[in-house]
């Protein structure tokens, strides 16, 4: 009896370039220290970066870091992931600081400096250009 695979291999071959182009076109990679939880929901990442959650689900203290306000990756991260402009981010943190509810994540200058910090700091979480990612960090999400 002859077995056929049907259309599955053809569909896979047709869709593979599309999937690969999405990763290649990505503008932001959210990264963590390799010892941090392997999976976080988008909402968990948002709460950590907004200072609403200070621990990962496993109890590890989260240490988010930001890129410089002039970074296009930062603009893309907050614009895509939070739907916020830089002025709205500053206003949000001004309110949190004024009410004593938190301080903004520390700012680190470049993608490479952020990646090195995340790789060396347990609990660190950040975002960088996908081209800056290497095997020393764990990628949680890739934003288009």
N, C-alpha and C. Protein backbone atom coordinates (compact mmCIF):
# COMPACT_ATOMS: atom_id res chain seq x y z
N UNK A 1 0.85 -1.17 0.00
CA UNK A 1 0.00 0.00 0.00
C UNK A 1 0.90 1.24 0.00
N UNK A 2 0.61 2.15 -0.87
CA UNK A 2 1.40 3.36 -1.01
C UNK A 2 0.86 4.46 -0.09
N UNK A 3 1.78 5.05 0.70
CA UNK A 3 1.38 6.15 1.59
C UNK A 3 1.77 7.47 0.95
N UNK A 4 0.88 8.44 1.06
CA UNK A 4 1.21 9.77 0.55
C UNK A 4 1.17 10.76 1.70
N UNK A 5 1.96 11.75 1.57
CA UNK A 5 2.03 12.78 2.60
C UNK A 5 1.05 13.91 2.35
N UNK A 6 0.45 13.91 1.19
CA UNK A 6 -0.53 14.95 0.92
C UNK A 6 0.13 16.31 0.71
N UNK A 7 -0.56 17.33 1.11
CA UNK A 7 -0.11 18.71 0.88
C UNK A 7 0.77 19.25 2.00
N UNK A 8 0.93 18.52 3.10
CA UNK A 8 1.67 19.04 4.25
C UNK A 8 3.09 19.51 3.90
N UNK A 9 3.90 18.69 3.19
CA UNK A 9 5.25 19.16 2.87
C UNK A 9 5.25 20.40 1.97
N UNK A 10 4.32 20.45 1.06
CA UNK A 10 4.24 21.60 0.16
C UNK A 10 3.89 22.86 0.95
N UNK A 11 2.92 22.75 1.84
CA UNK A 11 2.54 23.90 2.67
C UNK A 11 3.69 24.34 3.55
N UNK A 12 4.40 23.37 4.11
CA UNK A 12 5.54 23.70 4.96
C UNK A 12 6.59 24.47 4.17
N UNK A 13 6.88 24.02 2.97
CA UNK A 13 7.86 24.70 2.13
C UNK A 13 7.40 26.10 1.72
N UNK A 14 6.10 26.26 1.53
CA UNK A 14 5.58 27.57 1.16
C UNK A 14 5.57 28.53 2.34
N UNK A 15 5.30 28.04 3.54
CA UNK A 15 5.18 28.89 4.71
C UNK A 15 6.51 29.16 5.41
N UNK A 16 7.49 28.31 5.23
CA UNK A 16 8.78 28.48 5.89
C UNK A 16 9.44 29.82 5.59
N UNK A 17 9.51 30.26 4.33
CA UNK A 17 10.12 31.57 4.08
C UNK A 17 9.37 32.72 4.75
N UNK A 18 8.07 32.61 4.85
CA UNK A 18 7.28 33.65 5.52
C UNK A 18 7.64 33.69 6.99
N UNK A 19 7.70 32.54 7.64
CA UNK A 19 8.05 32.48 9.06
C UNK A 19 9.46 33.02 9.29
N UNK A 20 10.39 32.64 8.46
CA UNK A 20 11.76 33.11 8.62
C UNK A 20 11.88 34.61 8.38
N UNK A 21 11.11 35.13 7.44
CA UNK A 21 11.18 36.57 7.18
C UNK A 21 10.63 37.36 8.34
N UNK A 22 9.65 36.80 9.06
CA UNK A 22 9.11 37.50 10.24
C UNK A 22 10.20 37.67 11.30
N UNK A 23 11.01 36.65 11.53
CA UNK A 23 12.09 36.75 12.50
C UNK A 23 13.16 37.71 11.98
N UNK A 24 13.47 37.64 10.69
CA UNK A 24 14.49 38.52 10.12
C UNK A 24 14.04 39.97 10.15
N UNK A 25 12.74 40.22 10.00
CA UNK A 25 12.21 41.59 10.00
C UNK A 25 11.93 42.10 11.41
N UNK A 26 12.09 41.26 12.40
CA UNK A 26 11.79 41.67 13.77
C UNK A 26 12.64 42.86 14.17
N UNK A 27 12.05 43.72 14.98
CA UNK A 27 12.74 44.93 15.39
C UNK A 27 13.15 44.91 16.85
N UNK A 28 12.53 44.04 17.65
CA UNK A 28 12.81 44.00 19.09
C UNK A 28 12.80 42.55 19.58
N UNK A 29 13.82 42.19 20.34
CA UNK A 29 13.85 40.89 21.02
C UNK A 29 13.82 41.16 22.52
N UNK A 30 12.89 40.53 23.22
CA UNK A 30 12.85 40.63 24.68
C UNK A 30 13.67 39.47 25.22
N UNK A 31 14.67 39.82 26.03
CA UNK A 31 15.63 38.82 26.50
C UNK A 31 15.67 38.77 28.02
N UNK A 32 16.09 37.61 28.53
CA UNK A 32 16.29 37.46 29.97
C UNK A 32 17.60 36.73 30.23
N UNK A 33 17.98 36.76 31.49
CA UNK A 33 19.11 35.96 31.96
C UNK A 33 18.75 34.50 31.72
N UNK A 34 19.72 33.66 31.35
CA UNK A 34 19.41 32.24 31.08
C UNK A 34 18.77 31.50 32.25
N UNK A 35 18.98 31.97 33.48
CA UNK A 35 18.40 31.31 34.64
C UNK A 35 16.99 31.76 34.96
N UNK A 36 16.49 32.75 34.25
CA UNK A 36 15.12 33.24 34.48
C UNK A 36 14.11 32.27 33.89
N UNK A 37 12.84 32.40 34.25
CA UNK A 37 11.82 31.51 33.69
C UNK A 37 11.86 31.50 32.16
N UNK A 38 11.65 30.33 31.58
CA UNK A 38 11.73 30.17 30.13
C UNK A 38 10.56 30.82 29.42
N UNK A 39 9.46 31.00 30.10
CA UNK A 39 8.28 31.57 29.46
C UNK A 39 7.64 32.61 30.35
N UNK A 40 7.29 33.72 29.74
CA UNK A 40 6.50 34.76 30.39
C UNK A 40 5.46 35.22 29.38
N UNK A 41 4.28 35.51 29.84
CA UNK A 41 3.27 36.05 28.94
C UNK A 41 3.60 37.51 28.64
N UNK A 42 3.00 38.02 27.61
CA UNK A 42 3.17 39.43 27.30
C UNK A 42 2.73 40.31 28.45
N UNK A 43 1.64 39.93 29.11
CA UNK A 43 1.14 40.71 30.24
C UNK A 43 2.13 40.69 31.40
N UNK A 44 2.77 39.57 31.66
CA UNK A 44 3.77 39.50 32.73
C UNK A 44 4.96 40.41 32.41
N UNK A 45 5.39 40.43 31.15
CA UNK A 45 6.49 41.30 30.75
C UNK A 45 6.08 42.76 30.93
N UNK A 46 4.88 43.12 30.51
CA UNK A 46 4.39 44.49 30.67
C UNK A 46 4.39 44.91 32.14
N UNK A 47 3.87 44.05 33.00
CA UNK A 47 3.79 44.37 34.43
C UNK A 47 5.18 44.56 35.04
N UNK A 48 6.14 43.77 34.60
CA UNK A 48 7.51 43.91 35.10
C UNK A 48 8.10 45.25 34.65
N UNK A 49 7.94 45.60 33.38
CA UNK A 49 8.52 46.85 32.88
C UNK A 49 7.79 48.08 33.40
N UNK A 50 6.56 47.92 33.83
CA UNK A 50 5.83 49.05 34.42
C UNK A 50 5.99 49.11 35.94
N UNK A 51 6.77 48.21 36.50
CA UNK A 51 7.03 48.22 37.93
C UNK A 51 5.88 47.70 38.77
N UNK A 52 4.90 47.06 38.15
CA UNK A 52 3.75 46.54 38.88
C UNK A 52 4.04 45.17 39.49
N UNK A 53 4.93 44.42 38.86
CA UNK A 53 5.42 43.16 39.40
C UNK A 53 6.93 43.28 39.54
N UNK A 54 7.44 42.89 40.69
CA UNK A 54 8.89 42.97 40.88
C UNK A 54 9.55 41.59 40.95
N UNK A 55 8.72 40.55 40.83
CA UNK A 55 9.24 39.18 40.85
C UNK A 55 8.73 38.42 39.64
N UNK A 56 9.55 37.48 39.16
CA UNK A 56 9.11 36.53 38.15
C UNK A 56 8.18 35.53 38.84
N UNK A 57 7.40 34.79 38.07
CA UNK A 57 6.49 33.81 38.68
C UNK A 57 7.19 32.79 39.59
N UNK A 58 8.48 32.51 39.35
CA UNK A 58 9.19 31.54 40.19
C UNK A 58 9.75 32.15 41.47
N UNK A 59 9.51 33.47 41.69
CA UNK A 59 9.98 34.13 42.91
C UNK A 59 11.28 34.88 42.76
N UNK A 60 11.96 34.74 41.63
CA UNK A 60 13.20 35.48 41.38
C UNK A 60 12.88 36.96 41.20
N UNK A 61 13.70 37.81 41.80
CA UNK A 61 13.49 39.25 41.64
C UNK A 61 13.78 39.67 40.20
N UNK A 62 12.84 40.36 39.58
CA UNK A 62 13.00 40.83 38.21
C UNK A 62 13.81 42.12 38.21
N UNK A 63 14.75 42.23 37.29
CA UNK A 63 15.59 43.42 37.17
C UNK A 63 15.51 43.94 35.73
N UNK A 64 14.42 44.65 35.41
CA UNK A 64 14.30 45.18 34.05
C UNK A 64 15.28 46.32 33.81
N UNK A 65 15.76 46.44 32.58
CA UNK A 65 16.60 47.56 32.19
C UNK A 65 16.09 48.13 30.87
N UNK A 66 16.26 49.43 30.72
CA UNK A 66 15.84 50.15 29.52
C UNK A 66 17.04 50.58 28.71
N UNK A 67 16.81 50.75 27.42
CA UNK A 67 17.77 51.43 26.56
C UNK A 67 17.54 52.93 26.68
N UNK A 68 18.44 53.71 26.16
CA UNK A 68 18.34 55.16 26.16
C UNK A 68 17.04 55.61 25.48
N UNK A 69 16.50 56.73 25.93
CA UNK A 69 15.26 57.27 25.34
C UNK A 69 15.43 57.59 23.87
N UNK A 70 16.65 57.79 23.41
CA UNK A 70 16.90 58.09 21.99
C UNK A 70 17.00 56.84 21.14
N UNK A 71 16.96 55.68 21.74
CA UNK A 71 17.12 54.43 21.00
C UNK A 71 15.87 54.11 20.19
N UNK A 72 16.02 53.82 18.89
CA UNK A 72 14.87 53.42 18.10
C UNK A 72 14.27 52.09 18.57
N UNK A 73 15.12 51.22 19.16
CA UNK A 73 14.61 49.96 19.68
C UNK A 73 13.69 50.22 20.87
N UNK A 74 14.05 51.17 21.73
CA UNK A 74 13.18 51.52 22.86
C UNK A 74 11.85 52.08 22.35
N UNK A 75 11.92 52.97 21.38
CA UNK A 75 10.70 53.55 20.80
C UNK A 75 9.81 52.45 20.25
N UNK A 76 10.40 51.51 19.56
CA UNK A 76 9.64 50.39 18.98
C UNK A 76 9.06 49.50 20.09
N UNK A 77 9.85 49.20 21.10
CA UNK A 77 9.39 48.35 22.21
C UNK A 77 8.17 48.95 22.89
N UNK A 78 8.29 50.19 23.35
CA UNK A 78 7.18 50.80 24.07
C UNK A 78 6.01 51.12 23.13
N UNK A 79 6.30 51.46 21.90
CA UNK A 79 5.23 51.74 20.95
C UNK A 79 4.44 50.50 20.56
N UNK A 80 5.15 49.40 20.29
CA UNK A 80 4.51 48.16 19.86
C UNK A 80 3.92 47.39 21.03
N UNK A 81 4.69 47.22 22.08
CA UNK A 81 4.30 46.35 23.18
C UNK A 81 3.35 47.02 24.17
N UNK A 82 3.47 48.34 24.30
CA UNK A 82 2.67 49.07 25.29
C UNK A 82 1.73 50.09 24.66
N UNK A 83 1.93 50.41 23.38
CA UNK A 83 1.18 51.44 22.69
C UNK A 83 1.35 52.79 23.39
N UNK A 84 2.61 53.10 23.78
CA UNK A 84 2.93 54.34 24.48
C UNK A 84 4.08 55.07 23.77
N UNK A 85 4.00 56.40 23.77
CA UNK A 85 5.09 57.23 23.27
C UNK A 85 6.04 57.53 24.42
N UNK A 86 7.23 58.03 24.09
CA UNK A 86 8.25 58.32 25.11
C UNK A 86 7.72 59.31 26.15
N UNK A 87 6.99 60.33 25.72
CA UNK A 87 6.45 61.31 26.67
C UNK A 87 5.46 60.65 27.64
N UNK A 88 4.72 59.67 27.16
CA UNK A 88 3.77 58.96 28.04
C UNK A 88 4.50 58.08 29.04
N UNK A 89 5.61 57.49 28.61
CA UNK A 89 6.43 56.68 29.52
C UNK A 89 6.99 57.56 30.63
N UNK A 90 7.54 58.71 30.25
CA UNK A 90 8.09 59.64 31.26
C UNK A 90 7.01 60.09 32.23
N UNK A 91 5.82 60.40 31.72
CA UNK A 91 4.72 60.83 32.59
C UNK A 91 4.29 59.71 33.52
N UNK A 92 4.23 58.49 33.00
CA UNK A 92 3.86 57.34 33.82
C UNK A 92 4.83 57.20 35.00
N UNK A 93 6.14 57.23 34.69
CA UNK A 93 7.13 57.05 35.74
C UNK A 93 7.20 58.23 36.69
N UNK A 94 6.94 59.42 36.20
CA UNK A 94 6.91 60.58 37.10
C UNK A 94 5.82 60.39 38.15
N UNK A 95 4.67 59.89 37.73
CA UNK A 95 3.58 59.62 38.67
C UNK A 95 3.93 58.53 39.66
N UNK A 96 4.56 57.45 39.19
CA UNK A 96 4.94 56.35 40.08
C UNK A 96 5.96 56.82 41.12
N UNK A 97 6.94 57.59 40.67
CA UNK A 97 7.97 58.09 41.58
C UNK A 97 7.35 59.04 42.59
N UNK A 98 6.50 59.96 42.12
CA UNK A 98 5.88 60.95 43.00
C UNK A 98 5.05 60.29 44.10
N UNK A 99 4.35 59.21 43.76
CA UNK A 99 3.50 58.54 44.74
C UNK A 99 4.25 57.48 45.55
N UNK A 100 5.54 57.31 45.25
CA UNK A 100 6.33 56.33 45.99
C UNK A 100 6.06 54.90 45.59
N UNK A 101 5.50 54.68 44.41
CA UNK A 101 5.14 53.33 43.97
C UNK A 101 6.21 52.66 43.12
N UNK A 102 7.31 53.35 42.92
CA UNK A 102 8.37 52.71 42.14
C UNK A 102 9.26 53.69 41.44
N UNK A 103 10.30 53.15 40.85
CA UNK A 103 11.24 53.93 40.06
C UNK A 103 11.40 53.24 38.71
N UNK A 104 11.72 54.01 37.67
CA UNK A 104 11.86 53.39 36.35
C UNK A 104 13.07 52.46 36.30
N UNK A 105 13.06 51.55 35.35
CA UNK A 105 14.23 50.68 35.19
C UNK A 105 15.47 51.51 34.89
N UNK A 106 16.64 51.06 35.34
CA UNK A 106 17.86 51.78 34.99
C UNK A 106 18.09 51.75 33.48
N UNK A 107 18.75 52.77 32.99
CA UNK A 107 19.03 52.89 31.55
C UNK A 107 20.46 52.45 31.28
N UNK A 108 20.61 51.60 30.28
CA UNK A 108 21.93 51.15 29.83
C UNK A 108 22.03 51.55 28.36
N UNK A 109 23.18 52.07 27.97
CA UNK A 109 23.36 52.74 26.69
C UNK A 109 23.11 52.00 25.41
N UNK A 110 23.74 50.85 25.19
CA UNK A 110 23.67 50.20 23.89
C UNK A 110 23.11 48.79 24.00
N UNK A 111 22.72 48.25 22.84
CA UNK A 111 22.21 46.88 22.81
C UNK A 111 23.24 45.89 23.35
N UNK A 112 24.49 46.06 22.97
CA UNK A 112 25.53 45.13 23.43
C UNK A 112 25.75 45.23 24.93
N UNK A 113 25.72 46.44 25.47
CA UNK A 113 25.86 46.62 26.92
C UNK A 113 24.68 46.00 27.66
N UNK A 114 23.49 46.16 27.11
CA UNK A 114 22.30 45.56 27.72
C UNK A 114 22.41 44.04 27.70
N UNK A 115 22.80 43.48 26.55
CA UNK A 115 22.93 42.03 26.45
C UNK A 115 23.95 41.50 27.45
N UNK A 116 25.10 42.18 27.58
CA UNK A 116 26.11 41.73 28.55
C UNK A 116 25.58 41.82 29.98
N UNK A 117 24.85 42.89 30.30
CA UNK A 117 24.26 43.04 31.63
C UNK A 117 23.27 41.91 31.91
N UNK A 118 22.40 41.64 30.96
CA UNK A 118 21.39 40.58 31.14
C UNK A 118 22.07 39.23 31.32
N UNK A 119 23.07 38.96 30.52
CA UNK A 119 23.78 37.67 30.62
C UNK A 119 24.45 37.49 31.98
N UNK A 120 24.90 38.59 32.58
CA UNK A 120 25.66 38.52 33.83
C UNK A 120 24.81 38.73 35.09
N UNK A 121 23.53 39.09 34.93
CA UNK A 121 22.71 39.47 36.08
C UNK A 121 21.49 38.57 36.23
N UNK A 122 21.49 37.70 37.24
CA UNK A 122 20.30 36.87 37.46
C UNK A 122 19.07 37.74 37.66
N UNK A 123 17.99 37.38 36.99
CA UNK A 123 16.73 38.12 37.10
C UNK A 123 16.61 39.27 36.11
N UNK A 124 17.67 39.53 35.34
CA UNK A 124 17.61 40.64 34.38
C UNK A 124 16.68 40.32 33.23
N UNK A 125 15.97 41.36 32.77
CA UNK A 125 15.09 41.27 31.61
C UNK A 125 15.22 42.59 30.87
N UNK A 126 15.27 42.51 29.54
CA UNK A 126 15.47 43.71 28.74
C UNK A 126 14.97 43.45 27.33
N UNK A 127 15.18 44.44 26.49
CA UNK A 127 14.84 44.34 25.07
C UNK A 127 16.01 44.89 24.28
N UNK A 128 16.29 44.29 23.14
CA UNK A 128 17.41 44.72 22.29
C UNK A 128 17.03 44.48 20.84
N UNK A 129 17.86 45.01 19.96
CA UNK A 129 17.75 44.68 18.55
C UNK A 129 18.05 43.19 18.41
N UNK A 130 17.26 42.45 17.62
CA UNK A 130 17.52 41.01 17.50
C UNK A 130 18.93 40.66 17.03
N UNK A 131 19.58 41.56 16.31
CA UNK A 131 20.94 41.32 15.86
C UNK A 131 21.96 41.29 17.00
N UNK A 132 21.59 41.82 18.16
CA UNK A 132 22.49 41.84 19.31
C UNK A 132 22.40 40.58 20.15
N UNK A 133 21.45 39.72 19.86
CA UNK A 133 21.23 38.51 20.66
C UNK A 133 22.29 37.46 20.34
N UNK A 134 22.79 36.81 21.38
CA UNK A 134 23.68 35.67 21.20
C UNK A 134 23.28 34.57 22.19
N UNK A 135 24.11 33.56 22.30
CA UNK A 135 23.78 32.39 23.13
C UNK A 135 23.88 32.66 24.62
N UNK A 136 24.32 33.84 25.03
CA UNK A 136 24.48 34.12 26.46
C UNK A 136 23.18 34.56 27.13
N UNK A 137 22.13 34.81 26.34
CA UNK A 137 20.84 35.25 26.88
C UNK A 137 19.72 34.37 26.32
N UNK A 138 18.57 34.43 26.97
CA UNK A 138 17.39 33.69 26.51
C UNK A 138 16.41 34.67 25.87
N UNK A 139 15.92 34.34 24.70
CA UNK A 139 14.93 35.17 24.01
C UNK A 139 13.54 34.71 24.44
N UNK A 140 12.76 35.65 25.00
CA UNK A 140 11.38 35.35 25.42
C UNK A 140 10.38 35.61 24.31
N UNK A 141 10.50 36.78 23.70
CA UNK A 141 9.56 37.20 22.65
C UNK A 141 10.35 37.95 21.59
N UNK A 142 9.85 37.89 20.36
CA UNK A 142 10.38 38.68 19.27
C UNK A 142 9.23 39.48 18.72
N UNK A 143 9.36 40.82 18.75
CA UNK A 143 8.29 41.69 18.28
C UNK A 143 8.55 42.10 16.84
N UNK A 144 7.50 42.09 16.02
CA UNK A 144 7.67 42.48 14.62
C UNK A 144 7.93 43.97 14.46
